[in-house]
Each structure stands twice: as C-alpha cells, then as structure tokens.
Amino acid sequence: MNTKTITVAQYGIGPIGAEITRLLLTKSWVKLVAAVDIDPDKIGKDVGEVIGLGREVGVKVTGELGVKADVICHSTGSRLRDVAGQLKALLERGSHVVSTCEELSFPLDQKIREDLQQVARAAQVTLLGTGVNPGFVMDKLPLTITSVCQEVKSVEIIRIQNASTRREPLQRKVGAGMTTAEFRAAVDSGKIKHMGLRESLMLVGHGLGVEFESISDEKIEPIVADREVTTKYLKVAKGQVAGVHQTIYGKGKINVSLELRMYVGAEAVAADRVIVKGVPDVTMEIKDGVHGDRATAAMVVNSIPRVMQARPGVLTMDDIPVSFR
C-alpha cells in the first residue's frame, strides 16, 4: 500500500514517548516534524540523542509545539482530567491526535468527553485513545474474537504480564519491592492501580451491545514473591510484593470479566488469554503475552493511517480497523 507522507509530532518523550519516536523514525511514510517535552534537560537537544539513537535526526526537542503536523502522538499522562487541556489545545490546532492516555480509551467522564468531542468535530479532526492495554489485548482483541460466534454467553479476559521485562516506572507502579502493608497503603492513596481496566470492560460491553446490570468494584490485591527476584532496576525478597492482581467484572446478558496479574518473576506463566463461552466456544492464548511497551508504541504508530481516514470526533478502538502499517 502506498501511503502518502504524513507529518507527525511527538508530544511527551518519557519512556513510552521515546519508544513511539524510535518507531516513527523507521517508517518511510512518516516525517517527524516536532518533539515536545517539559523536561529542561531534554529541551534544545536533538531528539535522536534524547531517545538514545546515538545519532541526530534533525529535530530538536522544544517546550511547546511550534509547527503544524497532520497527526500528534500524545503520551504525557494516564488520567483524562490531567491531560484534557493538552488534548483540547492540540485538537484546536487542526491536528489529529493519537494518545496513550488510558482513560481516553473509553472516556467515562461524560463532560470531558463531550468537550473534546465538540472541539474535534469543529476542527474536523479525530482523537483516539489507544495502546496495548487498554487499546488491544483486553478489549479490541476479545471483541474481534467474538465476531466468529453465533452466540456469546460470557467473555473471560486474563492478562499475566512479566513486569521484569518492563520499564522501571512500571515495576515500581505495580508495587514491586514493597511490604504488603506498604502496598495496601499505596492502593488506598491511589498510587498503585493499573489504569484503564474499567475502560476496557466498558469498551467490551459497548462493542458487544451489552448494558451491564451490575459492575463490580475494581479489586486490587498484592502478589507476594515466593522467591527472590532481581530485575535490572530492583530486587524483591521472598515475602515482599512482586506486583499487582487486579480484577473487575460486569454482569448482564453477556458476562464479562477482566483479570490482570502484573508482577516481576512471572516468566513461566506470562500469557494473554481470551475465553469465550458461546456458539462456538473460542479460547485464545498468546504465550508469554504481548510486550506492553513495544506493543503500545506499535498500536499508536500503526493507528495513524487509519485515524487520517476516520470520521472526526472522539473515537475508540471499536471504531477503527487495525493492522501493521
């Protein structure tokens, strides 16, 4: 497929933004025109140096976006209320926006969603929240699998992720190395929580046309290490917290359950599973699971050509097709 050159700006160059930028630079159909970050240590440097390419690419990191781009890849935060102002300003520039903000994958705050909807439609551009989870493994993929069923009674979605291979902020975000008391205190204060699980549940329900009669609270429990685990960034002693076990489910005409286990030392059991009970029953397993950081960058970049062709407004992954591009 011949894709015309698309001008792209990267907004936010943390670990995920850097991964997205590295991938953008490999695409013949992308012209990177800007890289934006608030970190004074990054501003003014060539983005190739900042993302560890070992070469300059001719784009310097700036504190604000100063050029027009067809598409802006946005990766600065997980909570929609924290980044809504940024998203609105980027849409007002007349650019399509693909964001890794987890809560944008299926916006539950109706006021923010409506504000962004109005801005996007007025500017005739598209806003999409995507990634690997939410965005694919626990929502888009299960929905796709149900398309071969004549009848669906329940969908069980299980993601067991080996956090040992992931970036340091994520290892710490799942509580690795804490005591169970520290873990529970961090959960109570909102510091430990995989963002987007409720959004994935609601996206699956919406895609299946189901109004859930009841939705459980998210349950967040520690996974305790049964042996010492050492990663590139930290050491977890036996008896300390290795990671997080998070669940949520919706009951209705079709029951949907989501279970996420993300912890260091999960090498032997890591996998992504979807179990559909219906006609016919369908069970899918991806051994070792999909690598979160790499796959998130891939989802963002591979979505760009589809977003260029999509209708204006706030869209979800249920609204667009996806494939490697």
C-alpha atoms as a PDB file:
ATOM      1  CA  MET A   1       0.000   0.000   0.000  1.00  0.00           C
ATOM      2  CA  ASN A   2       1.308   3.426  -0.920  1.00  0.00           C
ATOM      3  CA  THR A   3       0.718   5.798   1.946  1.00  0.00           C
ATOM      4  CA  LYS A   4       1.406   9.472   1.403  1.00  0.00           C
ATOM      5  CA  THR A   5       3.940  11.043   3.735  1.00  0.00           C
ATOM      6  CA  ILE A   6       2.282  12.034   6.993  1.00  0.00           C
ATOM      7  CA  THR A   7       3.774  14.768   9.163  1.00  0.00           C
ATOM      8  CA  VAL A   8       3.851  13.693  12.805  1.00  0.00           C
ATOM      9  CA  ALA A   9       4.762  15.394  16.080  1.00  0.00           C
ATOM     10  CA  GLN A  10       5.598  13.506  19.275  1.00  0.00           C
ATOM     11  CA  TYR A  11       4.182  15.193  22.388  1.00  0.00           C
ATOM     12  CA  GLY A  12       5.826  13.813  25.551  1.00  0.00           C
ATOM     13  CA  ILE A  13       9.161  11.990  25.486  1.00  0.00           C
ATOM     14  CA  GLY A  14       9.117   9.786  28.554  1.00  0.00           C
ATOM     15  CA  PRO A  15       9.816   6.037  28.162  1.00  0.00           C
ATOM     16  CA  ILE A  16       6.697   5.425  26.055  1.00  0.00           C
ATOM     17  CA  GLY A  17       7.081   8.631  24.029  1.00  0.00           C
ATOM     18  CA  ALA A  18      10.692   7.668  23.298  1.00  0.00           C
ATOM     19  CA  GLU A  19       9.582   4.199  22.143  1.00  0.00           C
ATOM     20  CA  ILE A  20       6.961   5.779  19.864  1.00  0.00           C
ATOM     21  CA  THR A  21       9.526   8.233  18.460  1.00  0.00           C
ATOM     22  CA  ARG A  22      12.033   5.476  17.683  1.00  0.00           C
ATOM     23  CA  LEU A  23       9.322   3.597  15.772  1.00  0.00           C
ATOM     24  CA  LEU A  24       8.111   6.701  13.931  1.00  0.00           C
ATOM     25  CA  LEU A  25      11.642   7.261  12.643  1.00  0.00           C
ATOM     26  CA  THR A  26      11.636   3.807  10.980  1.00  0.00           C
ATOM     27  CA  LYS A  27       8.510   4.479   8.914  1.00  0.00           C
ATOM     28  CA  SER A  28       9.042   5.652   5.342  1.00  0.00           C
ATOM     29  CA  TRP A  29       5.577   7.219   5.330  1.00  0.00           C
ATOM     30  CA  VAL A  30       6.251   9.382   8.422  1.00  0.00           C
ATOM     31  CA  LYS A  31       8.048  12.714   8.535  1.00  0.00           C
ATOM     32  CA  LEU A  32       8.790  13.630  12.170  1.00  0.00           C
ATOM     33  CA  VAL A  33       8.441  17.404  12.383  1.00  0.00           C
ATOM     34  CA  ALA A  34       8.483  18.069  16.142  1.00  0.00           C
ATOM     35  CA  ALA A  35       9.222  16.580  19.554  1.00  0.00           C
ATOM     36  CA  VAL A  36       7.838  18.240  22.679  1.00  0.00           C
ATOM     37  CA  ASP A  37       8.641  17.754  26.358  1.00  0.00           C
ATOM     38  CA  ILE A  38       8.627  19.878  29.523  1.00  0.00           C
ATOM     39  CA  ASP A  39      11.914  18.459  30.871  1.00  0.00           C
ATOM     40  CA  PRO A  40      14.536  21.255  30.712  1.00  0.00           C
ATOM     41  CA  ASP A  41      17.264  18.610  30.365  1.00  0.00           C
ATOM     42  CA  LYS A  42      15.705  17.495  27.068  1.00  0.00           C
ATOM     43  CA  ILE A  43      14.716  20.866  25.578  1.00  0.00           C
ATOM     44  CA  GLY A  44      17.163  22.089  22.948  1.00  0.00           C
ATOM     45  CA  LYS A  45      18.726  18.680  22.344  1.00  0.00           C
ATOM     46  CA  ASP A  46      18.299  16.677  19.161  1.00  0.00           C
ATOM     47  CA  VAL A  47      15.565  14.113  19.745  1.00  0.00           C
ATOM     48  CA  GLY A  48      17.863  11.362  18.445  1.00  0.00           C
ATOM     49  CA  GLU A  49      20.171  11.992  21.392  1.00  0.00           C
ATOM     50  CA  VAL A  50      17.277  12.152  23.875  1.00  0.00           C
ATOM     51  CA  ILE A  51      15.816   8.800  22.820  1.00  0.00           C
ATOM     52  CA  GLY A  52      19.208   7.061  22.705  1.00  0.00           C
ATOM     53  CA  LEU A  53      19.569   6.594  18.950  1.00  0.00           C
ATOM     54  CA  GLY A  54      23.215   7.601  19.000  1.00  0.00           C
ATOM     55  CA  ARG A  55      22.683   9.910  16.038  1.00  0.00           C
ATOM     56  CA  GLU A  56      20.991  13.205  15.309  1.00  0.00           C
ATOM     57  CA  VAL A  57      17.752  13.234  13.327  1.00  0.00           C
ATOM     58  CA  GLY A  58      17.443  16.979  12.748  1.00  0.00           C
ATOM     59  CA  VAL A  59      14.548  17.629  15.128  1.00  0.00           C
ATOM     60  CA  LYS A  60      15.239  19.455  18.382  1.00  0.00           C
ATOM     61  CA  VAL A  61      13.089  18.952  21.475  1.00  0.00           C
ATOM     62  CA  THR A  62      11.021  22.034  22.296  1.00  0.00           C
ATOM     63  CA  GLY A  63       8.953  23.001  25.316  1.00  0.00           C
ATOM     64  CA  GLU A  64       5.946  23.866  23.171  1.00  0.00           C
ATOM     65  CA  LEU A  65       4.636  22.729  19.818  1.00  0.00           C
ATOM     66  CA  GLY A  66       5.575  25.344  17.251  1.00  0.00           C
ATOM     67  CA  VAL A  67       4.748  23.662  13.951  1.00  0.00           C
ATOM     68  CA  LYS A  68       1.690  22.150  12.279  1.00  0.00           C
ATOM     69  CA  ALA A  69       1.500  18.374  11.997  1.00  0.00           C
ATOM     70  CA  ASP A  70      -1.058  16.085  10.386  1.00  0.00           C
ATOM     71  CA  VAL A  71      -1.009  13.862  13.471  1.00  0.00           C
ATOM     72  CA  ILE A  72       0.229  14.364  17.022  1.00  0.00           C
ATOM     73  CA  CYS A  73       1.202  11.324  19.100  1.00  0.00           C
ATOM     74  CA  HIS A  74       0.428  12.259  22.703  1.00  0.00           C
ATOM     75  CA  SER A  75       1.891  10.435  25.710  1.00  0.00           C
ATOM     76  CA  THR A  76       2.043  12.522  28.874  1.00  0.00           C
ATOM     77  CA  GLY A  77      -0.383  11.027  31.404  1.00  0.00           C
ATOM     78  CA  SER A  78      -2.856   8.288  32.302  1.00  0.00           C
ATOM     79  CA  ARG A  79      -5.711  10.327  33.805  1.00  0.00           C
ATOM     80  CA  LEU A  80      -8.020  12.095  31.375  1.00  0.00           C
ATOM     81  CA  ARG A  81      -8.698  15.069  33.626  1.00  0.00           C
ATOM     82  CA  ASP A  82      -4.935  15.731  33.851  1.00  0.00           C
ATOM     83  CA  VAL A  83      -4.387  15.826  30.078  1.00  0.00           C
ATOM     84  CA  ALA A  84      -7.742  17.076  28.758  1.00  0.00           C
ATOM     85  CA  GLY A  85      -6.395  20.627  28.442  1.00  0.00           C
ATOM     86  CA  GLN A  86      -3.441  19.425  26.387  1.00  0.00           C
ATOM     87  CA  LEU A  87      -5.656  17.317  24.127  1.00  0.00           C
ATOM     88  CA  LYS A  88      -8.066  20.199  23.563  1.00  0.00           C
ATOM     89  CA  ALA A  89      -5.248  22.593  22.621  1.00  0.00           C
ATOM     90  CA  LEU A  90      -3.730  20.053  20.209  1.00  0.00           C
ATOM     91  CA  LEU A  91      -7.072  19.394  18.512  1.00  0.00           C
ATOM     92  CA  GLU A  92      -7.685  23.134  18.156  1.00  0.00           C
ATOM     93  CA  ARG A  93      -4.501  23.287  16.070  1.00  0.00           C
ATOM     94  CA  GLY A  94      -6.283  21.182  13.448  1.00  0.00           C
ATOM     95  CA  SER A  95      -4.247  18.029  14.033  1.00  0.00           C
ATOM     96  CA  HIS A  96      -5.483  14.506  14.540  1.00  0.00           C
ATOM     97  CA  VAL A  97      -4.350  13.162  17.931  1.00  0.00           C
ATOM     98  CA  VAL A  98      -3.484   9.589  18.921  1.00  0.00           C
ATOM     99  CA  SER A  99      -2.964   9.377  22.684  1.00  0.00           C
ATOM    100  CA  THR A 100      -1.768   6.723  25.130  1.00  0.00           C
ATOM    101  CA  CYS A 101      -3.877   8.232  27.939  1.00  0.00           C
ATOM    102  CA  GLU A 102      -5.510   5.102  29.374  1.00  0.00           C
ATOM    103  CA  GLU A 103      -8.728   6.814  30.442  1.00  0.00           C
ATOM    104  CA  LEU A 104      -9.189   8.176  26.906  1.00  0.00           C
ATOM    105  CA  SER A 105      -9.597   4.625  25.554  1.00  0.00           C
ATOM    106  CA  PHE A 106     -13.278   4.789  26.597  1.00  0.00           C
ATOM    107  CA  PRO A 107     -13.895   8.146  28.310  1.00  0.00           C
ATOM    108  CA  LEU A 108     -16.176   7.680  31.309  1.00  0.00           C
ATOM    109  CA  ASP A 109     -16.222  11.381  32.246  1.00  0.00           C
ATOM    110  CA  GLN A 110     -19.084  12.491  30.019  1.00  0.00           C
ATOM    111  CA  LYS A 111     -18.426  16.227  30.400  1.00  0.00           C
ATOM    112  CA  ILE A 112     -14.779  15.959  29.347  1.00  0.00           C
ATOM    113  CA  ARG A 113     -15.726  13.580  26.544  1.00  0.00           C
ATOM    114  CA  GLU A 114     -18.363  15.968  25.215  1.00  0.00           C
ATOM    115  CA  ASP A 115     -15.974  18.945  25.400  1.00  0.00           C
ATOM    116  CA  LEU A 116     -13.335  17.053  23.429  1.00  0.00           C
ATOM    117  CA  GLN A 117     -15.977  15.776  21.002  1.00  0.00           C
ATOM    118  CA  GLN A 118     -17.133  19.306  20.194  1.00  0.00           C
ATOM    119  CA  VAL A 119     -13.579  20.593  19.720  1.00  0.00           C
ATOM    120  CA  ALA A 120     -12.567  17.666  17.491  1.00  0.00           C
ATOM    121  CA  ARG A 121     -15.654  17.905  15.312  1.00  0.00           C
ATOM    122  CA  ALA A 122     -15.353  21.679  14.985  1.00  0.00           C
ATOM    123  CA  ALA A 123     -11.764  21.261  13.808  1.00  0.00           C
ATOM    124  CA  GLN A 124     -12.709  18.261  11.605  1.00  0.00           C
ATOM    125  CA  VAL A 125     -10.104  16.051  13.266  1.00  0.00           C
ATOM    126  CA  THR A 126     -10.041  12.740  15.126  1.00  0.00           C
ATOM    127  CA  LEU A 127      -8.998  11.957  18.709  1.00  0.00           C
ATOM    128  CA  LEU A 128      -8.165   8.332  19.544  1.00  0.00           C
ATOM    129  CA  GLY A 129      -7.015   6.753  22.802  1.00  0.00           C
ATOM    130  CA  THR A 130      -5.081   3.549  22.218  1.00  0.00           C
ATOM    131  CA  GLY A 131      -2.236   1.343  23.396  1.00  0.00           C
ATOM    132  CA  VAL A 132      -1.813  -2.308  24.222  1.00  0.00           C
ATOM    133  CA  ASN A 133      -3.821  -2.333  27.464  1.00  0.00           C
ATOM    134  CA  PRO A 134      -6.222  -0.612  27.187  1.00  0.00           C
ATOM    135  CA  GLY A 135      -6.459  -0.446  23.415  1.00  0.00           C
ATOM    136  CA  PHE A 136      -5.924  -4.016  22.279  1.00  0.00           C
ATOM    137  CA  VAL A 137      -5.238  -7.049  24.482  1.00  0.00           C
ATOM    138  CA  MET A 138      -8.175  -6.727  26.897  1.00  0.00           C
ATOM    139  CA  ASP A 139     -10.708  -5.008  24.621  1.00  0.00           C
ATOM    140  CA  LYS A 140     -10.125  -4.781  20.839  1.00  0.00           C
ATOM    141  CA  LEU A 141      -8.757  -8.330  20.611  1.00  0.00           C
ATOM    142  CA  PRO A 142     -11.569 -10.008  22.630  1.00  0.00           C
ATOM    143  CA  LEU A 143     -14.192  -8.120  20.609  1.00  0.00           C
ATOM    144  CA  THR A 144     -12.569  -9.303  17.378  1.00  0.00           C
ATOM    145  CA  ILE A 145     -12.567 -12.913  18.585  1.00  0.00           C
ATOM    146  CA  THR A 146     -16.312 -12.820  19.368  1.00  0.00           C
ATOM    147  CA  SER A 147     -17.052 -11.988  15.726  1.00  0.00           C
ATOM    148  CA  VAL A 148     -16.866 -15.717  14.855  1.00  0.00           C
ATOM    149  CA  CYS A 149     -19.578 -16.584  17.396  1.00  0.00           C
ATOM    150  CA  GLN A 150     -23.272 -17.016  16.678  1.00  0.00           C
ATOM    151  CA  GLU A 151     -23.989 -16.586  20.378  1.00  0.00           C
ATOM    152  CA  VAL A 152     -21.900 -15.268  23.295  1.00  0.00           C
ATOM    153  CA  LYS A 153     -22.705 -16.033  26.926  1.00  0.00           C
ATOM    154  CA  SER A 154     -19.512 -14.853  28.609  1.00  0.00           C
ATOM    155  CA  VAL A 155     -16.076 -13.424  27.875  1.00  0.00           C
ATOM    156  CA  GLU A 156     -13.185 -14.015  30.263  1.00  0.00           C
ATOM    157  CA  ILE A 157     -10.054 -11.930  29.633  1.00  0.00           C
ATOM    158  CA  ILE A 158      -6.833 -12.731  31.507  1.00  0.00           C
ATOM    159  CA  ARG A 159      -3.528 -10.893  31.147  1.00  0.00           C
ATOM    160  CA  ILE A 160      -0.494 -12.174  33.054  1.00  0.00           C
ATOM    161  CA  GLN A 161       2.414  -9.864  32.385  1.00  0.00           C
ATOM    162  CA  ASN A 162       6.025 -10.384  33.439  1.00  0.00           C
ATOM    163  CA  ALA A 163       6.919  -6.948  34.830  1.00  0.00           C
ATOM    164  CA  SER A 164      10.614  -7.927  34.974  1.00  0.00           C
ATOM    165  CA  THR A 165      10.943  -7.035  31.281  1.00  0.00           C
ATOM    166  CA  ARG A 166       9.178  -3.681  31.592  1.00  0.00           C
ATOM    167  CA  ARG A 167      10.378  -0.143  32.281  1.00  0.00           C
ATOM    168  CA  GLU A 168      11.361   0.899  35.823  1.00  0.00           C
ATOM    169  CA  PRO A 169       8.381   3.244  36.450  1.00  0.00           C
ATOM    170  CA  LEU A 170       6.002   0.365  35.716  1.00  0.00           C
ATOM    171  CA  GLN A 171       7.843  -2.040  38.030  1.00  0.00           C
ATOM    172  CA  ARG A 172       7.523   0.481  40.830  1.00  0.00           C
ATOM    173  CA  LYS A 173       3.918   1.295  39.882  1.00  0.00           C
ATOM    174  CA  VAL A 174       2.896  -2.337  40.496  1.00  0.00           C
ATOM    175  CA  GLY A 175       4.443  -2.235  43.984  1.00  0.00           C
ATOM    176  CA  ALA A 176       7.467  -4.468  43.391  1.00  0.00           C
ATOM    177  CA  GLY A 177       9.687  -4.499  46.488  1.00  0.00           C
ATOM    178  CA  MET A 178       7.068  -3.178  48.915  1.00  0.00           C
ATOM    179  CA  THR A 179       5.782  -4.881  52.031  1.00  0.00           C
ATOM    180  CA  THR A 180       2.117  -5.896  51.858  1.00  0.00           C
ATOM    181  CA  ALA A 181       1.274  -3.094  54.324  1.00  0.00           C
ATOM    182  CA  GLU A 182       3.046  -0.531  52.131  1.00  0.00           C
ATOM    183  CA  PHE A 183       1.231  -1.949  49.109  1.00  0.00           C
ATOM    184  CA  ARG A 184      -2.217  -1.626  50.688  1.00  0.00           C
ATOM    185  CA  ALA A 185      -1.444   1.933  51.823  1.00  0.00           C
ATOM    186  CA  ALA A 186      -0.336   2.787  48.274  1.00  0.00           C
ATOM    187  CA  VAL A 187      -3.546   1.287  46.860  1.00  0.00           C
ATOM    188  CA  ASP A 188      -5.626   3.317  49.330  1.00  0.00           C
ATOM    189  CA  SER A 189      -3.847   6.519  48.285  1.00  0.00           C
ATOM    190  CA  GLY A 190      -4.323   5.743  44.590  1.00  0.00           C
ATOM    191  CA  LYS A 191      -0.628   5.261  43.842  1.00  0.00           C
ATOM    192  CA  ILE A 192      -0.980   1.618  42.799  1.00  0.00           C
ATOM    193  CA  LYS A 193      -3.546   0.869  40.144  1.00  0.00           C
ATOM    194  CA  HIS A 194      -3.373  -0.260  36.570  1.00  0.00           C
ATOM    195  CA  MET A 195      -5.236   2.496  34.754  1.00  0.00           C
ATOM    196  CA  GLY A 196      -7.781   1.561  32.139  1.00  0.00           C
ATOM    197  CA  LEU A 197      -9.225  -1.750  33.340  1.00  0.00           C
ATOM    198  CA  ARG A 198     -12.710  -0.281  33.845  1.00  0.00           C
ATOM    199  CA  GLU A 199     -12.432   1.482  30.499  1.00  0.00           C
ATOM    200  CA  SER A 200     -11.578  -1.850  28.823  1.00  0.00           C
ATOM    201  CA  LEU A 201     -14.584  -3.507  30.461  1.00  0.00           C
ATOM    202  CA  MET A 202     -16.900  -0.750  29.262  1.00  0.00           C
ATOM    203  CA  LEU A 203     -15.394  -0.825  25.766  1.00  0.00           C
ATOM    204  CA  VAL A 204     -16.026  -4.587  25.517  1.00  0.00           C
ATOM    205  CA  GLY A 205     -19.586  -4.179  26.796  1.00  0.00           C
ATOM    206  CA  HIS A 206     -20.231  -1.355  24.352  1.00  0.00           C
ATOM    207  CA  GLY A 207     -18.779  -3.341  21.459  1.00  0.00           C
ATOM    208  CA  LEU A 208     -20.980  -6.333  22.327  1.00  0.00           C
ATOM    209  CA  GLY A 209     -24.057  -4.114  22.653  1.00  0.00           C
ATOM    210  CA  VAL A 210     -24.460  -5.024  26.309  1.00  0.00           C
ATOM    211  CA  GLU A 211     -25.775  -2.761  29.072  1.00  0.00           C
ATOM    212  CA  PHE A 212     -24.328  -4.308  32.230  1.00  0.00           C
ATOM    213  CA  GLU A 213     -26.867  -4.789  35.015  1.00  0.00           C
ATOM    214  CA  SER A 214     -24.074  -4.518  37.583  1.00  0.00           C
ATOM    215  CA  ILE A 215     -20.358  -3.699  37.557  1.00  0.00           C
ATOM    216  CA  SER A 216     -18.074  -4.766  40.377  1.00  0.00           C
ATOM    217  CA  ASP A 217     -15.621  -2.503  42.131  1.00  0.00           C
ATOM    218  CA  GLU A 218     -12.049  -2.978  40.980  1.00  0.00           C
ATOM    219  CA  LYS A 219     -10.310  -5.334  43.364  1.00  0.00           C
ATOM    220  CA  ILE A 220      -6.575  -4.698  43.785  1.00  0.00           C
ATOM    221  CA  GLU A 221      -4.518  -7.257  45.708  1.00  0.00           C
ATOM    222  CA  PRO A 222      -0.761  -7.833  46.109  1.00  0.00           C
ATOM    223  CA  ILE A 223       1.049 -10.766  44.548  1.00  0.00           C
ATOM    224  CA  VAL A 224       3.671 -11.887  47.071  1.00  0.00           C
ATOM    225  CA  ALA A 225       7.027 -13.205  45.841  1.00  0.00           C
ATOM    226  CA  ASP A 226       7.639 -16.889  46.654  1.00  0.00           C
ATOM    227  CA  ARG A 227      11.355 -16.446  45.892  1.00  0.00           C
ATOM    228  CA  GLU A 228      13.895 -13.651  45.482  1.00  0.00           C
ATOM    229  CA  VAL A 229      13.550 -11.822  42.168  1.00  0.00           C
ATOM    230  CA  THR A 230      16.159  -9.436  40.756  1.00  0.00           C
ATOM    231  CA  THR A 231      15.438  -7.190  37.775  1.00  0.00           C
ATOM    232  CA  LYS A 232      17.549  -4.592  36.002  1.00  0.00           C
ATOM    233  CA  TYR A 233      16.093  -1.948  38.324  1.00  0.00           C
ATOM    234  CA  LEU A 234      15.278  -3.540  41.691  1.00  0.00           C
ATOM    235  CA  LYS A 235      15.454  -6.573  43.966  1.00  0.00           C
ATOM    236  CA  VAL A 236      12.407  -8.228  45.543  1.00  0.00           C
ATOM    237  CA  ALA A 237      12.949 -10.512  48.538  1.00  0.00           C
ATOM    238  CA  LYS A 238      10.812 -13.577  49.210  1.00  0.00           C
ATOM    239  CA  GLY A 239       7.718 -12.383  51.087  1.00  0.00           C
ATOM    240  CA  GLN A 240       7.807  -8.895  49.583  1.00  0.00           C
ATOM    241  CA  VAL A 241       5.298  -7.724  46.992  1.00  0.00           C
ATOM    242  CA  ALA A 242       6.149  -8.796  43.438  1.00  0.00           C
ATOM    243  CA  GLY A 243       3.257  -6.994  41.771  1.00  0.00           C
ATOM    244  CA  VAL A 244      -0.453  -6.441  41.438  1.00  0.00           C
ATOM    245  CA  HIS A 245      -3.549  -8.620  40.896  1.00  0.00           C
ATOM    246  CA  GLN A 246      -6.464  -6.539  39.652  1.00  0.00           C
ATOM    247  CA  THR A 247      -9.957  -7.686  38.670  1.00  0.00           C
ATOM    248  CA  ILE A 248     -13.268  -6.245  37.525  1.00  0.00           C
ATOM    249  CA  TYR A 249     -16.384  -7.802  36.016  1.00  0.00           C
ATOM    250  CA  GLY A 250     -19.701  -6.828  34.515  1.00  0.00           C
ATOM    251  CA  LYS A 251     -22.871  -8.908  34.738  1.00  0.00           C
ATOM    252  CA  GLY A 252     -25.584  -8.760  32.107  1.00  0.00           C
ATOM    253  CA  LYS A 253     -26.926 -10.564  29.077  1.00  0.00           C
ATOM    254  CA  ILE A 254     -23.255 -11.347  28.448  1.00  0.00           C
ATOM    255  CA  ASN A 255     -20.965 -11.601  31.477  1.00  0.00           C
ATOM    256  CA  VAL A 256     -17.519 -10.084  31.016  1.00  0.00           C
ATOM    257  CA  SER A 257     -14.595 -10.479  33.436  1.00  0.00           C
ATOM    258  CA  LEU A 258     -11.124  -8.952  33.290  1.00  0.00           C
ATOM    259  CA  GLU A 259      -8.175 -10.180  35.330  1.00  0.00           C
ATOM    260  CA  LEU A 260      -4.740  -8.570  35.267  1.00  0.00           C
ATOM    261  CA  ARG A 261      -1.712 -10.030  37.020  1.00  0.00           C
ATOM    262  CA  MET A 262       1.393  -7.924  36.527  1.00  0.00           C
ATOM    263  CA  TYR A 263       4.422  -8.831  38.586  1.00  0.00           C
ATOM    264  CA  VAL A 264       8.167  -9.400  38.479  1.00  0.00           C
ATOM    265  CA  GLY A 265       9.215 -13.033  38.137  1.00  0.00           C
ATOM    266  CA  ALA A 266       6.233 -14.144  36.048  1.00  0.00           C
ATOM    267  CA  GLU A 267       8.381 -15.594  33.244  1.00  0.00           C
ATOM    268  CA  ALA A 268       6.951 -19.116  33.416  1.00  0.00           C
ATOM    269  CA  VAL A 269       3.266 -18.150  33.366  1.00  0.00           C
ATOM    270  CA  ALA A 270       3.112 -14.919  31.333  1.00  0.00           C
ATOM    271  CA  ALA A 271       0.328 -15.085  28.732  1.00  0.00           C
ATOM    272  CA  ASP A 272      -2.680 -13.286  27.329  1.00  0.00           C
ATOM    273  CA  ARG A 273      -5.891 -15.327  27.238  1.00  0.00           C
ATOM    274  CA  VAL A 274      -9.420 -14.803  25.991  1.00  0.00           C
ATOM    275  CA  ILE A 275     -12.033 -17.434  26.812  1.00  0.00           C
ATOM    276  CA  VAL A 276     -15.373 -17.017  25.050  1.00  0.00           C
ATOM    277  CA  LYS A 277     -18.294 -19.234  26.067  1.00  0.00           C
ATOM    278  CA  GLY A 278     -20.891 -19.371  23.332  1.00  0.00           C
ATOM    279  CA  VAL A 279     -21.628 -20.953  19.981  1.00  0.00           C
ATOM    280  CA  PRO A 280     -18.936 -21.936  19.268  1.00  0.00           C
ATOM    281  CA  ASP A 281     -16.720 -21.679  22.352  1.00  0.00           C
ATOM    282  CA  VAL A 282     -13.437 -19.952  21.476  1.00  0.00           C
ATOM    283  CA  THR A 283     -10.238 -19.925  23.540  1.00  0.00           C
ATOM    284  CA  MET A 284      -7.158 -17.965  22.505  1.00  0.00           C
ATOM    285  CA  GLU A 285      -3.762 -17.789  24.206  1.00  0.00           C
ATOM    286  CA  ILE A 286      -0.724 -15.693  23.341  1.00  0.00           C
ATOM    287  CA  LYS A 287       2.166 -17.453  25.067  1.00  0.00           C
ATOM    288  CA  ASP A 288       4.433 -15.083  27.039  1.00  0.00           C
ATOM    289  CA  GLY A 289       1.916 -12.285  26.432  1.00  0.00           C
ATOM    290  CA  VAL A 290       2.251  -9.177  24.297  1.00  0.00           C
ATOM    291  CA  HIS A 291       5.134  -6.912  25.393  1.00  0.00           C
ATOM    292  CA  GLY A 292       3.419  -3.822  26.754  1.00  0.00           C
ATOM    293  CA  ASP A 293       5.833  -1.009  25.895  1.00  0.00           C
ATOM    294  CA  ARG A 294       6.740  -2.144  22.395  1.00  0.00           C
ATOM    295  CA  ALA A 295       3.161  -3.008  21.557  1.00  0.00           C
ATOM    296  CA  THR A 296       1.863   0.326  22.858  1.00  0.00           C
ATOM    297  CA  ALA A 297       4.202   2.181  20.510  1.00  0.00           C
ATOM    298  CA  ALA A 298       3.166  -0.098  17.651  1.00  0.00           C
ATOM    299  CA  MET A 299      -0.544   0.465  18.277  1.00  0.00           C
ATOM    300  CA  VAL A 300      -0.067   4.245  18.261  1.00  0.00           C
ATOM    301  CA  VAL A 301       2.011   4.315  15.075  1.00  0.00           C
ATOM    302  CA  ASN A 302       0.003   1.675  13.194  1.00  0.00           C
ATOM    303  CA  SER A 303      -3.215   3.581  14.011  1.00  0.00           C
ATOM    304  CA  ILE A 304      -2.012   6.790  12.321  1.00  0.00           C
ATOM    305  CA  PRO A 305      -3.080   5.988   8.711  1.00  0.00           C
ATOM    306  CA  ARG A 306      -6.476   4.743   9.954  1.00  0.00           C
ATOM    307  CA  VAL A 307      -7.027   7.866  12.040  1.00  0.00           C
ATOM    308  CA  MET A 308      -6.260  10.024   8.996  1.00  0.00           C
ATOM    309  CA  GLN A 309      -9.191   8.333   7.227  1.00  0.00           C
ATOM    310  CA  ALA A 310     -11.583   8.121  10.177  1.00  0.00           C
ATOM    311  CA  ARG A 311     -14.568  10.321  10.914  1.00  0.00           C
ATOM    312  CA  PRO A 312     -13.987  13.432  13.077  1.00  0.00           C
ATOM    313  CA  GLY A 313     -14.600  13.251  16.822  1.00  0.00           C
ATOM    314  CA  VAL A 314     -13.612  11.167  19.825  1.00  0.00           C
ATOM    315  CA  LEU A 315     -13.223   7.554  18.688  1.00  0.00           C
ATOM    316  CA  THR A 316     -12.416   4.279  20.435  1.00  0.00           C
ATOM    317  CA  MET A 317     -10.587   1.211  19.146  1.00  0.00           C
ATOM    318  CA  ASP A 318     -14.005  -0.294  18.390  1.00  0.00           C
ATOM    319  CA  ASP A 319     -14.449   2.413  15.750  1.00  0.00           C
ATOM    320  CA  ILE A 320     -11.382   1.754  13.587  1.00  0.00           C
ATOM    321  CA  PRO A 321      -9.753  -1.260  11.936  1.00  0.00           C
ATOM    322  CA  VAL A 322      -6.131  -2.012  12.841  1.00  0.00           C
ATOM    323  CA  SER A 323      -3.186  -3.735  11.206  1.00  0.00           C
ATOM    324  CA  PHE A 324       0.565  -3.325  10.799  1.00  0.00           C
ATOM    325  CA  ARG A 325       1.453  -0.387   8.566  1.00  0.00           C
END
